Amino acid sequence: MQSSQKTEVLDRLRAGSERILAASPVISAEGAALDRQAVKECRYLMRLLALRKRSRAELWDALAAREVPGPVRAEALARIERAGLIDDAAFATEWVQQRRRDKRLADRELARELRGRGVAEADITHALREAEEPETEYERARELVRKRLPGGAAPRGNERKNLLRRLEAQLMRRGFSREITTSAILSELK
């Protein structure tokens, strides 16, 4: 390569690097510190997400509990979102499926739990509608009653009243309406 060609190549490289530097913001010491803190908090959030899915609000609260400053919290969550690790709609749907299957909860109680986890109403409504529901709330309530009934002869007198009261309290705590609770108990205690 001749010296004129070398000079021309060096000039083009210099011009290209100047364009790149002009296009990218200059990172101050303050910006670099924010970046380091955000990376540290992203690692913490990923450890939390490795245990189970969480809503955006839960992650925000976890960072607040660690007393992470607001700008760092926002940056860490933004990075986690850009990576596709936060999806409140998917979280809500999975939550509903799991809690219906394992805890046999009514939709009213599931909605209350999701609200407590900071999930938006639209995502809650969608999850309750879209989550696989092989059985109705009435069927879930009847199954819970069946599990709690003693084997053998049907209870009588005070024993029956106490059993009815306990069954009703259990179903109401799980979010079933009074109508479903009464109907499920009476259908199983024929």
N, C-alpha and C. Protein backbone atom coordinates (compact mmCIF):
# COMPACT_ATOMS: atom_id res chain seq x y z
N MET A 1 0.84 -1.16 0.00
CA MET A 1 0.00 0.00 0.00
C MET A 1 0.89 1.23 0.00
N GLN A 2 0.56 2.16 -0.85
CA GLN A 2 1.36 3.38 -0.96
C GLN A 2 0.98 4.33 0.16
N SER A 3 1.83 5.28 0.42
CA SER A 3 1.62 6.22 1.52
C SER A 3 0.37 7.06 1.31
N SER A 4 0.03 7.40 0.06
CA SER A 4 -1.19 8.18 -0.18
C SER A 4 -2.42 7.35 0.16
N GLN A 5 -2.38 6.04 -0.15
CA GLN A 5 -3.50 5.16 0.17
C GLN A 5 -3.64 5.00 1.68
N LYS A 6 -2.50 4.87 2.39
CA LYS A 6 -2.53 4.76 3.84
C LYS A 6 -3.14 5.99 4.47
N THR A 7 -2.77 7.12 3.97
CA THR A 7 -3.30 8.38 4.49
C THR A 7 -4.80 8.46 4.26
N GLU A 8 -5.23 8.03 3.08
CA GLU A 8 -6.65 8.07 2.75
C GLU A 8 -7.45 7.14 3.68
N VAL A 9 -6.95 5.93 3.94
CA VAL A 9 -7.61 4.97 4.83
C VAL A 9 -7.67 5.53 6.24
N LEU A 10 -6.56 6.08 6.71
CA LEU A 10 -6.52 6.66 8.06
C LEU A 10 -7.51 7.82 8.18
N ASP A 11 -7.60 8.64 7.15
CA ASP A 11 -8.55 9.76 7.17
C ASP A 11 -9.99 9.25 7.25
N ARG A 12 -10.31 8.19 6.50
CA ARG A 12 -11.67 7.63 6.54
C ARG A 12 -11.97 7.04 7.92
N LEU A 13 -11.00 6.33 8.51
CA LEU A 13 -11.20 5.77 9.84
C LEU A 13 -11.41 6.86 10.88
N ARG A 14 -10.62 7.90 10.78
CA ARG A 14 -10.73 9.02 11.70
C ARG A 14 -12.10 9.69 11.57
N ALA A 15 -12.53 9.90 10.35
CA ALA A 15 -13.83 10.52 10.11
C ALA A 15 -14.96 9.62 10.64
N GLY A 16 -14.84 8.30 10.44
CA GLY A 16 -15.86 7.37 10.93
C GLY A 16 -15.93 7.36 12.44
N SER A 17 -14.78 7.34 13.10
CA SER A 17 -14.78 7.33 14.56
C SER A 17 -15.31 8.64 15.12
N GLU A 18 -15.05 9.75 14.44
CA GLU A 18 -15.59 11.03 14.89
C GLU A 18 -17.12 11.04 14.79
N ARG A 19 -17.66 10.43 13.71
CA ARG A 19 -19.13 10.36 13.56
C ARG A 19 -19.73 9.51 14.67
N ILE A 20 -19.07 8.39 14.99
CA ILE A 20 -19.57 7.50 16.04
C ILE A 20 -19.55 8.22 17.38
N LEU A 21 -18.46 8.90 17.68
CA LEU A 21 -18.36 9.62 18.96
C LEU A 21 -19.36 10.76 19.03
N ALA A 22 -19.61 11.42 17.93
CA ALA A 22 -20.57 12.51 17.92
C ALA A 22 -21.99 11.98 18.10
N ALA A 23 -22.27 10.78 17.61
CA ALA A 23 -23.62 10.21 17.70
C ALA A 23 -23.90 9.61 19.08
N SER A 24 -22.87 9.14 19.76
CA SER A 24 -23.10 8.52 21.06
C SER A 24 -22.90 9.55 22.16
N PRO A 25 -23.76 9.49 23.19
CA PRO A 25 -23.63 10.46 24.26
C PRO A 25 -22.36 10.21 25.07
N VAL A 26 -21.83 11.25 25.61
CA VAL A 26 -20.66 11.13 26.46
C VAL A 26 -21.16 10.64 27.83
N ILE A 27 -20.59 9.57 28.32
CA ILE A 27 -21.02 9.03 29.60
C ILE A 27 -20.22 9.71 30.69
N SER A 28 -20.94 10.36 31.56
CA SER A 28 -20.29 11.04 32.67
C SER A 28 -19.98 10.03 33.77
N ALA A 29 -19.26 10.46 34.76
CA ALA A 29 -18.96 9.59 35.90
C ALA A 29 -20.27 9.21 36.60
N GLU A 30 -21.19 10.15 36.65
CA GLU A 30 -22.50 9.91 37.26
C GLU A 30 -23.28 8.85 36.47
N GLY A 31 -23.25 8.97 35.15
CA GLY A 31 -23.92 8.00 34.28
C GLY A 31 -23.31 6.63 34.39
N ALA A 32 -22.00 6.56 34.50
CA ALA A 32 -21.32 5.27 34.64
C ALA A 32 -21.68 4.60 35.96
N ALA A 33 -21.80 5.40 37.03
CA ALA A 33 -22.17 4.85 38.33
C ALA A 33 -23.61 4.31 38.28
N LEU A 34 -24.50 5.04 37.63
CA LEU A 34 -25.89 4.60 37.47
C LEU A 34 -25.92 3.28 36.69
N ASP A 35 -25.11 3.20 35.64
CA ASP A 35 -25.05 2.00 34.82
C ASP A 35 -24.58 0.80 35.64
N ARG A 36 -23.54 0.99 36.45
CA ARG A 36 -23.02 -0.11 37.28
C ARG A 36 -24.08 -0.57 38.29
N GLN A 37 -24.77 0.39 38.92
CA GLN A 37 -25.80 0.04 39.88
C GLN A 37 -26.97 -0.69 39.20
N ALA A 38 -27.35 -0.22 38.01
CA ALA A 38 -28.45 -0.85 37.29
C ALA A 38 -28.10 -2.30 36.93
N VAL A 39 -26.88 -2.54 36.53
CA VAL A 39 -26.44 -3.90 36.19
C VAL A 39 -26.49 -4.78 37.44
N LYS A 40 -26.04 -4.26 38.57
CA LYS A 40 -26.08 -5.01 39.83
C LYS A 40 -27.51 -5.37 40.19
N GLU A 41 -28.43 -4.42 40.05
CA GLU A 41 -29.83 -4.68 40.40
C GLU A 41 -30.51 -5.60 39.39
N CYS A 42 -30.07 -5.55 38.14
CA CYS A 42 -30.59 -6.49 37.13
C CYS A 42 -30.24 -7.91 37.52
N ARG A 43 -29.04 -8.11 38.01
CA ARG A 43 -28.64 -9.45 38.44
C ARG A 43 -29.51 -9.93 39.60
N TYR A 44 -29.80 -9.02 40.53
CA TYR A 44 -30.67 -9.36 41.66
C TYR A 44 -32.07 -9.74 41.15
N LEU A 45 -32.61 -8.95 40.23
CA LEU A 45 -33.93 -9.22 39.69
C LEU A 45 -33.96 -10.56 38.95
N MET A 46 -32.91 -10.87 38.24
CA MET A 46 -32.87 -12.15 37.52
C MET A 46 -32.83 -13.33 38.49
N ARG A 47 -32.17 -13.15 39.65
CA ARG A 47 -32.19 -14.21 40.66
C ARG A 47 -33.60 -14.41 41.19
N LEU A 48 -34.32 -13.31 41.41
CA LEU A 48 -35.71 -13.42 41.86
C LEU A 48 -36.58 -14.12 40.81
N LEU A 49 -36.39 -13.75 39.55
CA LEU A 49 -37.18 -14.33 38.47
C LEU A 49 -36.83 -15.79 38.22
N ALA A 50 -35.64 -16.20 38.62
CA ALA A 50 -35.26 -17.60 38.46
C ALA A 50 -36.05 -18.49 39.43
N LEU A 51 -36.48 -17.92 40.55
CA LEU A 51 -37.27 -18.68 41.53
C LEU A 51 -38.70 -18.87 41.06
N ARG A 52 -39.32 -17.79 40.55
CA ARG A 52 -40.68 -17.85 40.01
C ARG A 52 -40.95 -16.56 39.25
N LYS A 53 -41.98 -16.61 38.38
CA LYS A 53 -42.36 -15.39 37.67
C LYS A 53 -42.91 -14.39 38.66
N ARG A 54 -42.71 -13.12 38.35
CA ARG A 54 -43.19 -12.05 39.22
C ARG A 54 -43.76 -10.92 38.36
N SER A 55 -44.64 -10.15 38.97
CA SER A 55 -45.19 -9.00 38.26
C SER A 55 -44.19 -7.85 38.32
N ARG A 56 -44.41 -6.87 37.45
CA ARG A 56 -43.54 -5.70 37.42
C ARG A 56 -43.57 -4.99 38.78
N ALA A 57 -44.76 -4.87 39.35
CA ALA A 57 -44.90 -4.19 40.64
C ALA A 57 -44.15 -4.93 41.75
N GLU A 58 -44.17 -6.25 41.72
CA GLU A 58 -43.43 -7.02 42.73
C GLU A 58 -41.93 -6.75 42.62
N LEU A 59 -41.43 -6.69 41.39
CA LEU A 59 -40.00 -6.42 41.21
C LEU A 59 -39.66 -4.99 41.66
N TRP A 60 -40.53 -4.05 41.34
CA TRP A 60 -40.32 -2.66 41.77
C TRP A 60 -40.27 -2.61 43.30
N ASP A 61 -41.20 -3.30 43.95
CA ASP A 61 -41.24 -3.31 45.42
C ASP A 61 -40.01 -4.00 46.01
N ALA A 62 -39.52 -5.04 45.35
CA ALA A 62 -38.32 -5.73 45.83
C ALA A 62 -37.12 -4.79 45.80
N LEU A 63 -37.02 -4.00 44.74
CA LEU A 63 -35.92 -3.03 44.67
C LEU A 63 -36.11 -1.92 45.70
N ALA A 64 -37.35 -1.51 45.93
CA ALA A 64 -37.62 -0.47 46.92
C ALA A 64 -37.25 -0.97 48.32
N ALA A 65 -37.52 -2.25 48.59
CA ALA A 65 -37.17 -2.83 49.89
C ALA A 65 -35.66 -2.83 50.10
N ARG A 66 -34.90 -2.90 49.01
CA ARG A 66 -33.44 -2.84 49.10
C ARG A 66 -32.94 -1.40 49.14
N GLU A 67 -33.88 -0.45 49.14
CA GLU A 67 -33.59 0.98 49.17
C GLU A 67 -32.76 1.43 47.97
N VAL A 68 -33.11 0.88 46.82
CA VAL A 68 -32.46 1.27 45.57
C VAL A 68 -33.07 2.60 45.12
N PRO A 69 -32.25 3.58 44.75
CA PRO A 69 -32.78 4.88 44.31
C PRO A 69 -33.70 4.73 43.08
N GLY A 70 -34.67 5.62 42.97
CA GLY A 70 -35.66 5.58 41.90
C GLY A 70 -35.09 5.47 40.49
N PRO A 71 -34.12 6.31 40.11
CA PRO A 71 -33.58 6.21 38.75
C PRO A 71 -32.92 4.86 38.46
N VAL A 72 -32.27 4.29 39.45
CA VAL A 72 -31.63 2.98 39.27
C VAL A 72 -32.71 1.91 39.13
N ARG A 73 -33.75 2.00 39.97
CA ARG A 73 -34.87 1.05 39.88
C ARG A 73 -35.49 1.09 38.49
N ALA A 74 -35.77 2.30 38.02
CA ALA A 74 -36.40 2.45 36.70
C ALA A 74 -35.51 1.88 35.60
N GLU A 75 -34.22 2.15 35.66
CA GLU A 75 -33.30 1.65 34.63
C GLU A 75 -33.18 0.13 34.68
N ALA A 76 -33.08 -0.43 35.88
CA ALA A 76 -32.97 -1.89 36.00
C ALA A 76 -34.24 -2.57 35.47
N LEU A 77 -35.40 -2.05 35.82
CA LEU A 77 -36.65 -2.64 35.33
C LEU A 77 -36.79 -2.47 33.82
N ALA A 78 -36.36 -1.34 33.31
CA ALA A 78 -36.42 -1.12 31.86
C ALA A 78 -35.55 -2.14 31.13
N ARG A 79 -34.39 -2.42 31.67
CA ARG A 79 -33.50 -3.41 31.03
C ARG A 79 -34.10 -4.81 31.09
N ILE A 80 -34.70 -5.16 32.23
CA ILE A 80 -35.33 -6.47 32.37
C ILE A 80 -36.51 -6.59 31.42
N GLU A 81 -37.27 -5.51 31.26
CA GLU A 81 -38.40 -5.51 30.32
C GLU A 81 -37.91 -5.65 28.88
N ARG A 82 -36.86 -4.92 28.52
CA ARG A 82 -36.33 -5.01 27.16
C ARG A 82 -35.83 -6.42 26.86
N ALA A 83 -35.38 -7.12 27.89
CA ALA A 83 -34.91 -8.50 27.71
C ALA A 83 -36.09 -9.48 27.61
N GLY A 84 -37.30 -8.98 27.81
CA GLY A 84 -38.49 -9.82 27.70
C GLY A 84 -38.73 -10.71 28.91
N LEU A 85 -38.21 -10.31 30.07
CA LEU A 85 -38.35 -11.14 31.27
C LEU A 85 -39.55 -10.78 32.13
N ILE A 86 -40.21 -9.66 31.82
CA ILE A 86 -41.40 -9.24 32.56
C ILE A 86 -42.58 -9.20 31.61
N ASP A 87 -43.63 -9.93 31.97
CA ASP A 87 -44.88 -9.93 31.19
C ASP A 87 -46.01 -10.15 32.18
N ASP A 88 -46.66 -9.07 32.61
CA ASP A 88 -47.71 -9.18 33.62
C ASP A 88 -48.89 -10.02 33.14
N ALA A 89 -49.21 -9.96 31.86
CA ALA A 89 -50.34 -10.75 31.34
C ALA A 89 -50.03 -12.24 31.45
N ALA A 90 -48.84 -12.65 31.06
CA ALA A 90 -48.45 -14.06 31.15
C ALA A 90 -48.35 -14.49 32.62
N PHE A 91 -47.83 -13.60 33.45
CA PHE A 91 -47.74 -13.89 34.89
C PHE A 91 -49.13 -14.14 35.46
N ALA A 92 -50.09 -13.28 35.13
CA ALA A 92 -51.46 -13.42 35.65
C ALA A 92 -52.10 -14.72 35.18
N THR A 93 -51.93 -15.06 33.91
CA THR A 93 -52.52 -16.29 33.39
C THR A 93 -51.93 -17.51 34.09
N GLU A 94 -50.63 -17.53 34.24
CA GLU A 94 -49.98 -18.66 34.92
C GLU A 94 -50.41 -18.74 36.38
N TRP A 95 -50.52 -17.59 37.04
CA TRP A 95 -50.94 -17.53 38.44
C TRP A 95 -52.35 -18.13 38.60
N VAL A 96 -53.26 -17.72 37.72
CA VAL A 96 -54.64 -18.21 37.79
C VAL A 96 -54.68 -19.72 37.57
N GLN A 97 -53.99 -20.22 36.58
CA GLN A 97 -53.98 -21.66 36.31
C GLN A 97 -53.45 -22.44 37.51
N GLN A 98 -52.34 -21.99 38.05
CA GLN A 98 -51.70 -22.69 39.15
C GLN A 98 -52.57 -22.66 40.41
N ARG A 99 -53.14 -21.50 40.75
CA ARG A 99 -53.94 -21.38 41.97
C ARG A 99 -55.29 -22.08 41.84
N ARG A 100 -55.85 -22.12 40.64
CA ARG A 100 -57.09 -22.88 40.44
C ARG A 100 -56.82 -24.37 40.64
N ARG A 101 -55.71 -24.83 40.09
CA ARG A 101 -55.38 -26.25 40.14
C ARG A 101 -54.98 -26.67 41.56
N ASP A 102 -54.09 -25.92 42.20
CA ASP A 102 -53.53 -26.35 43.47
C ASP A 102 -54.35 -25.93 44.69
N LYS A 103 -54.90 -24.74 44.68
CA LYS A 103 -55.61 -24.22 45.85
C LYS A 103 -57.12 -24.23 45.69
N ARG A 104 -57.59 -24.47 44.46
CA ARG A 104 -59.02 -24.54 44.18
C ARG A 104 -59.72 -23.23 44.55
N LEU A 105 -59.08 -22.10 44.24
CA LEU A 105 -59.63 -20.80 44.60
C LEU A 105 -60.67 -20.32 43.60
N ALA A 106 -61.60 -19.53 44.11
CA ALA A 106 -62.62 -18.91 43.26
C ALA A 106 -62.00 -17.73 42.52
N ASP A 107 -62.65 -17.33 41.42
CA ASP A 107 -62.13 -16.23 40.60
C ASP A 107 -62.04 -14.93 41.38
N ARG A 108 -62.99 -14.69 42.27
CA ARG A 108 -62.98 -13.46 43.06
C ARG A 108 -61.71 -13.38 43.91
N GLU A 109 -61.33 -14.49 44.53
CA GLU A 109 -60.12 -14.53 45.35
C GLU A 109 -58.86 -14.42 44.49
N LEU A 110 -58.87 -15.05 43.33
CA LEU A 110 -57.72 -14.95 42.41
C LEU A 110 -57.52 -13.50 41.97
N ALA A 111 -58.61 -12.81 41.66
CA ALA A 111 -58.51 -11.40 41.24
C ALA A 111 -57.95 -10.55 42.39
N ARG A 112 -58.38 -10.83 43.62
CA ARG A 112 -57.89 -10.08 44.77
C ARG A 112 -56.38 -10.29 44.95
N GLU A 113 -55.94 -11.54 44.81
CA GLU A 113 -54.51 -11.83 44.93
C GLU A 113 -53.69 -11.10 43.86
N LEU A 114 -54.18 -11.13 42.63
CA LEU A 114 -53.45 -10.47 41.54
C LEU A 114 -53.41 -8.95 41.73
N ARG A 115 -54.51 -8.37 42.20
CA ARG A 115 -54.50 -6.93 42.49
C ARG A 115 -53.45 -6.61 43.54
N GLY A 116 -53.34 -7.49 44.54
CA GLY A 116 -52.34 -7.31 45.59
C GLY A 116 -50.92 -7.41 45.08
N ARG A 117 -50.73 -8.05 43.94
CA ARG A 117 -49.41 -8.17 43.34
C ARG A 117 -49.16 -7.10 42.28
N GLY A 118 -50.09 -6.15 42.18
CA GLY A 118 -49.89 -5.01 41.29
C GLY A 118 -50.20 -5.26 39.83
N VAL A 119 -50.99 -6.28 39.52
CA VAL A 119 -51.33 -6.58 38.13
C VAL A 119 -52.51 -5.70 37.72
N ALA A 120 -52.48 -5.19 36.51
CA ALA A 120 -53.52 -4.31 36.00
C ALA A 120 -54.84 -5.07 35.82
N GLU A 121 -55.95 -4.34 35.98
CA GLU A 121 -57.28 -4.94 35.87
C GLU A 121 -57.49 -5.64 34.53
N ALA A 122 -57.01 -5.05 33.44
CA ALA A 122 -57.17 -5.65 32.12
C ALA A 122 -56.47 -7.00 32.04
N ASP A 123 -55.28 -7.09 32.63
CA ASP A 123 -54.54 -8.36 32.63
C ASP A 123 -55.24 -9.40 33.51
N ILE A 124 -55.83 -8.95 34.61
CA ILE A 124 -56.56 -9.86 35.50
C ILE A 124 -57.77 -10.43 34.78
N THR A 125 -58.54 -9.55 34.16
CA THR A 125 -59.74 -9.98 33.43
C THR A 125 -59.38 -10.97 32.33
N HIS A 126 -58.34 -10.64 31.59
CA HIS A 126 -57.89 -11.53 30.50
C HIS A 126 -57.45 -12.88 31.05
N ALA A 127 -56.71 -12.89 32.15
CA ALA A 127 -56.21 -14.14 32.72
C ALA A 127 -57.36 -15.01 33.22
N LEU A 128 -58.34 -14.41 33.85
CA LEU A 128 -59.48 -15.19 34.35
C LEU A 128 -60.29 -15.78 33.21
N ARG A 129 -60.36 -15.05 32.10
CA ARG A 129 -61.11 -15.53 30.94
C ARG A 129 -60.32 -16.58 30.15
N GLU A 130 -59.02 -16.38 30.02
CA GLU A 130 -58.21 -17.21 29.13
C GLU A 130 -57.58 -18.42 29.79
N ALA A 131 -57.41 -18.39 31.10
CA ALA A 131 -56.77 -19.53 31.76
C ALA A 131 -57.62 -20.78 31.56
N GLU A 132 -56.95 -21.87 31.32
CA GLU A 132 -57.67 -23.12 31.09
C GLU A 132 -58.51 -23.43 32.31
N GLU A 133 -59.80 -23.64 32.09
CA GLU A 133 -60.70 -23.94 33.19
C GLU A 133 -61.51 -25.19 32.85
N PRO A 134 -60.99 -26.35 33.21
CA PRO A 134 -61.71 -27.58 32.87
C PRO A 134 -62.97 -27.75 33.70
N GLU A 135 -63.08 -27.03 34.82
CA GLU A 135 -64.26 -27.15 35.66
C GLU A 135 -64.73 -25.77 36.11
N THR A 136 -65.97 -25.69 36.49
CA THR A 136 -66.54 -24.43 36.92
C THR A 136 -66.24 -24.19 38.40
N GLU A 137 -66.56 -22.99 38.86
CA GLU A 137 -66.37 -22.68 40.28
C GLU A 137 -67.22 -23.61 41.14
N TYR A 138 -68.42 -23.88 40.68
CA TYR A 138 -69.32 -24.77 41.43
C TYR A 138 -68.69 -26.15 41.59
N GLU A 139 -68.10 -26.67 40.53
CA GLU A 139 -67.45 -27.99 40.60
C GLU A 139 -66.24 -27.96 41.53
N ARG A 140 -65.48 -26.86 41.50
CA ARG A 140 -64.33 -26.73 42.42
C ARG A 140 -64.81 -26.71 43.87
N ALA A 141 -65.89 -25.99 44.12
CA ALA A 141 -66.44 -25.92 45.48
C ALA A 141 -66.92 -27.30 45.94
N ARG A 142 -67.61 -28.02 45.08
CA ARG A 142 -68.10 -29.36 45.43
C ARG A 142 -66.93 -30.29 45.74
N GLU A 143 -65.86 -30.20 44.98
CA GLU A 143 -64.70 -31.06 45.22
C GLU A 143 -64.08 -30.76 46.59
N LEU A 144 -64.00 -29.48 46.94
CA LEU A 144 -63.48 -29.12 48.25
C LEU A 144 -64.35 -29.68 49.36
N VAL A 145 -65.67 -29.59 49.19
CA VAL A 145 -66.59 -30.13 50.19
C VAL A 145 -66.39 -31.64 50.31
N ARG A 146 -66.31 -32.34 49.19
CA ARG A 146 -66.11 -33.79 49.19
C ARG A 146 -64.86 -34.18 49.97
N LYS A 147 -63.78 -33.41 49.79
CA LYS A 147 -62.52 -33.73 50.47
C LYS A 147 -62.65 -33.57 51.98
N ARG A 148 -63.51 -32.67 52.43
CA ARG A 148 -63.64 -32.38 53.86
C ARG A 148 -64.68 -33.23 54.58
N LEU A 149 -65.50 -33.93 53.81
CA LEU A 149 -66.54 -34.73 54.44
C LEU A 149 -65.94 -35.97 55.08
N PRO A 150 -66.42 -36.29 56.28
CA PRO A 150 -65.91 -37.51 56.92
C PRO A 150 -66.47 -38.74 56.24
N GLY A 151 -65.71 -39.80 56.24
CA GLY A 151 -66.18 -41.06 55.65
C GLY A 151 -67.19 -41.72 56.57
N GLY A 152 -67.96 -42.61 56.04
CA GLY A 152 -68.91 -43.34 56.86
C GLY A 152 -70.26 -42.65 56.93
N ALA A 153 -70.92 -42.77 58.08
CA ALA A 153 -72.28 -42.25 58.26
C ALA A 153 -72.28 -40.72 58.24
N ALA A 154 -73.39 -40.18 57.74
CA ALA A 154 -73.54 -38.72 57.69
C ALA A 154 -73.70 -38.19 59.11
N PRO A 155 -73.07 -37.05 59.40
CA PRO A 155 -73.18 -36.48 60.75
C PRO A 155 -74.61 -36.01 61.05
N ARG A 156 -74.99 -36.02 62.31
CA ARG A 156 -76.32 -35.61 62.75
C ARG A 156 -76.21 -34.56 63.85
N GLY A 157 -77.29 -33.79 64.02
CA GLY A 157 -77.41 -32.85 65.14
C GLY A 157 -76.35 -31.77 65.14
N ASN A 158 -75.76 -31.55 66.32
CA ASN A 158 -74.75 -30.50 66.48
C ASN A 158 -73.51 -30.76 65.63
N GLU A 159 -73.19 -32.02 65.48
CA GLU A 159 -72.03 -32.38 64.65
C GLU A 159 -72.24 -31.91 63.20
N ARG A 160 -73.46 -32.08 62.71
CA ARG A 160 -73.80 -31.64 61.35
C ARG A 160 -73.73 -30.11 61.24
N LYS A 161 -74.25 -29.40 62.24
CA LYS A 161 -74.22 -27.93 62.23
C LYS A 161 -72.78 -27.43 62.23
N ASN A 162 -71.95 -28.03 63.05
CA ASN A 162 -70.54 -27.62 63.11
C ASN A 162 -69.84 -27.88 61.78
N LEU A 163 -70.13 -29.03 61.19
CA LEU A 163 -69.53 -29.36 59.89
C LEU A 163 -69.97 -28.36 58.82
N LEU A 164 -71.27 -28.05 58.80
CA LEU A 164 -71.79 -27.08 57.82
C LEU A 164 -71.11 -25.72 58.00
N ARG A 165 -70.97 -25.28 59.24
CA ARG A 165 -70.34 -23.98 59.52
C ARG A 165 -68.87 -23.98 59.07
N ARG A 166 -68.14 -25.06 59.35
CA ARG A 166 -66.73 -25.14 58.94
C ARG A 166 -66.59 -25.16 57.42
N LEU A 167 -67.44 -25.94 56.75
CA LEU A 167 -67.38 -26.00 55.28
C LEU A 167 -67.70 -24.65 54.66
N GLU A 168 -68.74 -23.99 55.20
CA GLU A 168 -69.11 -22.68 54.68
C GLU A 168 -67.96 -21.68 54.86
N ALA A 169 -67.35 -21.69 56.02
CA ALA A 169 -66.24 -20.76 56.30
C ALA A 169 -65.07 -21.03 55.35
N GLN A 170 -64.77 -22.30 55.14
CA GLN A 170 -63.66 -22.65 54.25
C GLN A 170 -63.91 -22.15 52.83
N LEU A 171 -65.10 -22.40 52.31
CA LEU A 171 -65.40 -21.98 50.94
C LEU A 171 -65.45 -20.45 50.82
N MET A 172 -65.97 -19.80 51.81
CA MET A 172 -66.03 -18.33 51.76
C MET A 172 -64.62 -17.73 51.80
N ARG A 173 -63.73 -18.33 52.59
CA ARG A 173 -62.34 -17.84 52.64
C ARG A 173 -61.65 -17.99 51.29
N ARG A 174 -62.05 -18.98 50.54
CA ARG A 174 -61.46 -19.21 49.22
C ARG A 174 -62.11 -18.38 48.14
N GLY A 175 -63.07 -17.55 48.52
CA GLY A 175 -63.64 -16.59 47.58
C GLY A 175 -64.91 -17.03 46.87
N PHE A 176 -65.49 -18.14 47.26
CA PHE A 176 -66.72 -18.58 46.61
C PHE A 176 -67.89 -17.75 47.12
N SER A 177 -68.84 -17.50 46.24
CA SER A 177 -70.02 -16.72 46.62
C SER A 177 -70.90 -17.54 47.57
N ARG A 178 -71.78 -16.84 48.27
CA ARG A 178 -72.69 -17.52 49.21
C ARG A 178 -73.56 -18.54 48.48
N GLU A 179 -74.03 -18.19 47.27
CA GLU A 179 -74.90 -19.10 46.51
C GLU A 179 -74.17 -20.39 46.14
N ILE A 180 -72.96 -20.25 45.62
CA ILE A 180 -72.18 -21.43 45.23
C ILE A 180 -71.83 -22.25 46.46
N THR A 181 -71.46 -21.58 47.55
CA THR A 181 -71.11 -22.27 48.78
C THR A 181 -72.28 -23.11 49.29
N THR A 182 -73.44 -22.47 49.40
CA THR A 182 -74.63 -23.19 49.91
C THR A 182 -75.01 -24.34 49.00
N SER A 183 -75.03 -24.09 47.72
CA SER A 183 -75.42 -25.12 46.75
C SER A 183 -74.46 -26.30 46.77
N ALA A 184 -73.16 -26.03 46.81
CA ALA A 184 -72.15 -27.10 46.82
C ALA A 184 -72.26 -27.95 48.08
N ILE A 185 -72.44 -27.30 49.22
CA ILE A 185 -72.54 -28.03 50.50
C ILE A 185 -73.79 -28.89 50.52
N LEU A 186 -74.92 -28.31 50.12
CA LEU A 186 -76.17 -29.06 50.16
C LEU A 186 -76.17 -30.22 49.16
N SER A 187 -75.54 -30.03 48.00
CA SER A 187 -75.53 -31.11 47.02
C SER A 187 -74.68 -32.29 47.48
N GLU A 188 -73.65 -32.03 48.29
CA GLU A 188 -72.78 -33.09 48.77
C GLU A 188 -73.28 -33.73 50.07
N LEU A 189 -74.15 -33.03 50.80
CA LEU A 189 -74.65 -33.56 52.07
C LEU A 189 -76.06 -34.10 51.96
N LYS A 190 -76.42 -34.62 50.83
CA LYS A 190 -77.79 -35.13 50.59
C LYS A 190 -78.21 -36.11 51.63
